[in-house]
Every structure is written in structure tokens, then in C-alpha cells.
Amino acid sequence: MPDTMHEATTEAGVPRARTQSPVASGEQSLTTSRGRTTISDTVVAKIAGLAARDVSGVHAMGAGTARALGAMRGIMVGDKTSPAHQGVSVEVGERQAAVDVALVVEYGTAIPDLAAAVRRNVITAVERMCGLEVTEVNIKIDDVRFPGEEREREPEEPRVR
């Protein structure tokens, strides 16, 4: 009988995200007698980025230059959404990960509370989904967005093709 805390699957038999951190339960599942699982830095960065964006008060991810480059890249590729890992850098080891996040916050948001919520969300998501112990989450607030402030200008569509 499977342990529902760790081996829950969807109807199609695909494993679901863990409901309990493997770090908290003392489980190390990335290296077993049957092989080793390696998780790319990009995967961890995307998970951390999405977890950070979920926190109320986070307006955008990344410094101004990174956001501008992301917008230009989106125009060239035809995708106007920013990449999930924009503003996130990670170091991933065999059992641990460290995360750095750069944020733009909404004006009026209590930054210490926001940072604590982002840190908690990132740690929970990475540990639950990847099975890695998160050793630290460093947060850098790069900007504040004021109410009514113009959105960053998107380059206009060319008038002729």
C-alpha cells in the first residue's frame, strides 16, 4: 500500500508533487540503488520564479535591464510573457540548492513581510517538487511600482511589413 504522503499519483499514473518536504521527512530520493536523478538549474529556477510570483505584492521579476531584455526577446519570438526564471539565479548541488531572486514590488507592500512570504513559498515549492534542501533564498528588491505608473513601454508594432 503506497504512502499517500510521498507516492500519490494522478489517474494517468504520473507522480504528483509531494505534499511533505523530503527534507522534513528525512528522505533522500534523488540517488537510489537503481540510479540517480539530476535536476537542471533551469528547472529549479523556473519553480522558484513561479513560487515567487505567486506572492501578493510582487509586481515583476528581475532588474530593469533583465526585464527590458526579456521584453525584446519576447517581441522577437512572438511571446510577450516573461520567462518563468527571469530574475532568478540558482546553484544546484546533489542534495541542496541556493536561490537568488530579484523583485519589483508594488508600492505600499511591507517589504520585510513580502520577503518572508517569497522565501517561504520558494523553499516550500523547491523542496516539495525537487526533493532538494534549500539552504538559502536571497532576495533583492530592485524597484517599486507605483499605482498608476505607466507599464513599461512595449515597442510598437511596425507600421509596414
Protein backbone atom coordinates (compact mmCIF):
# COMPACT_ATOMS: atom_id res chain seq x y z
CA MET A 1 0.00 0.00 0.00
CA PRO A 2 1.63 3.30 -1.06
CA ASP A 3 2.37 6.04 1.42
CA THR A 4 -0.05 8.78 0.34
CA MET A 5 2.28 11.48 1.62
CA HIS A 6 5.01 10.52 -0.86
CA GLU A 7 3.67 8.31 -3.61
CA ALA A 8 0.41 9.99 -4.68
CA THR A 9 -0.20 9.71 -8.40
CA THR A 10 -2.68 11.12 -10.87
CA GLU A 11 -5.18 8.88 -12.65
CA ALA A 12 -2.68 8.54 -15.51
CA GLY A 13 -0.06 7.22 -13.08
CA VAL A 14 2.08 10.38 -13.15
CA PRO A 15 3.58 11.25 -9.75
CA ARG A 16 2.15 14.37 -8.15
CA ALA A 17 4.17 16.96 -6.31
CA ARG A 18 4.97 15.90 -2.77
CA THR A 19 2.70 17.06 0.00
CA GLN A 20 5.50 16.96 2.53
CA SER A 21 9.07 18.10 2.11
CA PRO A 22 11.53 15.20 1.77
CA VAL A 23 13.94 17.27 3.85
CA ALA A 24 11.43 17.39 6.72
CA SER A 25 10.79 13.65 6.50
CA GLY A 26 14.50 12.80 6.29
CA GLU A 27 14.08 11.18 2.87
CA GLN A 28 16.77 11.49 0.19
CA SER A 29 15.24 10.22 -3.05
CA LEU A 30 17.46 11.67 -5.81
CA THR A 31 20.09 8.94 -5.53
CA THR A 32 18.91 5.36 -5.15
CA SER A 33 20.30 1.88 -5.76
CA ARG A 34 18.61 1.98 -9.18
CA GLY A 35 20.08 5.24 -10.40
CA ARG A 36 20.48 8.95 -9.90
CA THR A 37 18.13 11.83 -10.74
CA THR A 38 19.68 15.14 -11.72
CA ILE A 39 17.65 18.34 -11.76
CA SER A 40 18.74 21.15 -14.07
CA ASP A 41 19.43 24.63 -12.69
CA THR A 42 16.83 25.97 -15.14
CA VAL A 43 14.14 23.69 -13.71
CA VAL A 44 14.85 24.84 -10.15
CA ALA A 45 14.96 28.49 -11.29
CA LYS A 46 11.58 28.18 -13.03
CA ILE A 47 9.98 26.58 -9.97
CA ALA A 48 11.45 29.28 -7.70
CA GLY A 49 10.37 32.05 -10.10
CA LEU A 50 6.78 30.83 -10.28
CA ALA A 51 6.65 30.42 -6.50
CA ALA A 52 7.92 33.99 -6.00
CA ARG A 53 5.39 35.42 -8.49
CA ASP A 54 2.55 33.77 -6.56
CA VAL A 55 3.09 36.11 -3.60
CA SER A 56 0.79 39.12 -3.47
CA GLY A 57 2.78 42.35 -3.77
CA VAL A 58 5.31 41.04 -6.30
CA HIS A 59 4.85 43.12 -9.45
CA ALA A 60 7.64 41.70 -11.62
CA MET A 61 10.82 39.68 -11.51
CA GLY A 62 14.32 40.87 -12.36
CA ALA A 63 16.20 44.13 -12.59
CA GLY A 64 15.19 46.73 -15.16
CA THR A 65 17.77 45.57 -17.68
CA ALA A 66 16.69 41.93 -17.41
CA ARG A 67 13.03 42.91 -17.84
CA ALA A 68 13.86 45.06 -20.90
CA LEU A 69 15.89 42.27 -22.49
CA GLY A 70 13.10 39.82 -21.74
CA ALA A 71 10.59 42.11 -23.44
CA MET A 72 12.82 42.42 -26.51
CA ARG A 73 13.31 38.65 -26.62
CA GLY A 74 9.54 38.21 -26.37
CA ILE A 75 8.95 40.51 -29.31
CA MET A 76 11.47 38.67 -31.45
CA VAL A 77 9.97 35.28 -30.60
CA GLY A 78 6.37 36.50 -30.51
CA ASP A 79 5.85 35.73 -26.82
CA LYS A 80 5.06 38.76 -24.66
CA THR A 81 5.22 36.92 -21.32
CA SER A 82 8.46 36.97 -19.37
CA PRO A 83 10.28 33.69 -18.79
CA ALA A 84 9.42 31.96 -15.53
CA HIS A 85 13.06 32.08 -14.41
CA GLN A 86 13.64 35.79 -15.17
CA GLY A 87 15.17 37.45 -12.12
CA VAL A 88 16.14 34.12 -10.55
CA SER A 89 19.56 32.53 -10.30
CA VAL A 90 20.28 29.24 -8.58
CA GLU A 91 23.10 26.94 -7.59
CA VAL A 92 22.08 23.31 -7.52
CA GLY A 93 24.11 20.55 -5.92
CA GLU A 94 23.34 16.86 -5.47
CA ARG A 95 21.09 17.41 -2.46
CA GLN A 96 20.90 21.18 -1.93
CA ALA A 97 20.00 24.37 -3.76
CA ALA A 98 20.60 28.06 -3.13
CA VAL A 99 18.34 30.65 -4.75
CA ASP A 100 18.74 34.37 -5.51
CA VAL A 101 15.62 36.32 -6.51
CA ALA A 102 15.36 39.90 -7.82
CA LEU A 103 11.93 41.53 -7.44
CA VAL A 104 9.93 44.63 -8.27
CA VAL A 105 7.34 45.23 -5.55
CA GLU A 106 4.02 47.09 -5.53
CA TYR A 107 4.10 50.39 -3.64
CA GLY A 108 2.62 50.05 -0.15
CA THR A 109 3.72 46.45 0.33
CA ALA A 110 5.60 45.77 3.56
CA ILE A 111 8.92 44.60 2.14
CA PRO A 112 10.04 42.51 5.16
CA ASP A 113 6.69 40.65 5.13
CA LEU A 114 6.86 40.21 1.35
CA ALA A 115 10.43 38.88 1.55
CA ALA A 116 9.43 36.38 4.25
CA ALA A 117 6.45 35.19 2.18
CA VAL A 118 8.56 34.85 -1.00
CA ARG A 119 11.27 32.99 0.90
CA ARG A 120 8.71 30.62 2.43
CA ASN A 121 6.98 29.99 -0.95
CA VAL A 122 10.25 29.35 -2.79
CA ILE A 123 11.60 26.99 -0.13
CA THR A 124 8.33 25.04 0.03
CA ALA A 125 8.00 24.72 -3.75
CA VAL A 126 11.60 23.70 -4.46
CA GLU A 127 11.81 21.24 -1.57
CA ARG A 128 8.42 19.70 -2.38
CA MET A 129 8.84 19.45 -6.15
CA CYS A 130 12.57 18.72 -6.41
CA GLY A 131 13.43 16.98 -3.17
CA LEU A 132 16.35 19.36 -2.66
CA GLU A 133 17.12 21.09 0.62
CA VAL A 134 17.06 24.85 0.07
CA THR A 135 19.98 26.27 2.03
CA GLU A 136 19.18 29.95 1.39
CA VAL A 137 16.91 32.29 -0.55
CA ASN A 138 18.46 35.72 -1.05
CA ILE A 139 16.02 38.44 -2.12
CA LYS A 140 16.97 41.70 -3.79
CA ILE A 141 14.32 44.40 -4.23
CA ASP A 142 15.26 46.19 -7.45
CA ASP A 143 12.36 48.59 -7.86
CA VAL A 144 8.96 49.73 -6.61
CA ARG A 145 5.95 50.08 -8.90
CA PHE A 146 3.68 52.98 -8.01
CA PRO A 147 -0.09 52.93 -8.62
CA GLY A 148 -0.96 54.49 -11.97
CA GLU A 149 2.62 54.25 -13.15
CA GLU A 150 2.81 53.53 -16.84
CA ARG A 151 3.61 50.00 -17.77
CA GLU A 152 6.99 49.55 -19.31
CA ARG A 153 6.55 50.61 -22.88
CA GLU A 154 6.36 47.79 -25.33
CA PRO A 155 7.90 48.65 -28.67
CA GLU A 156 5.24 49.49 -31.20
CA GLU A 157 4.32 47.12 -33.99
CA PRO A 158 5.93 48.14 -37.27
CA ARG A 159 3.53 50.08 -39.49
CA VAL A 160 4.57 48.13 -42.56
CA ARG A 161 5.71 44.58 -43.12
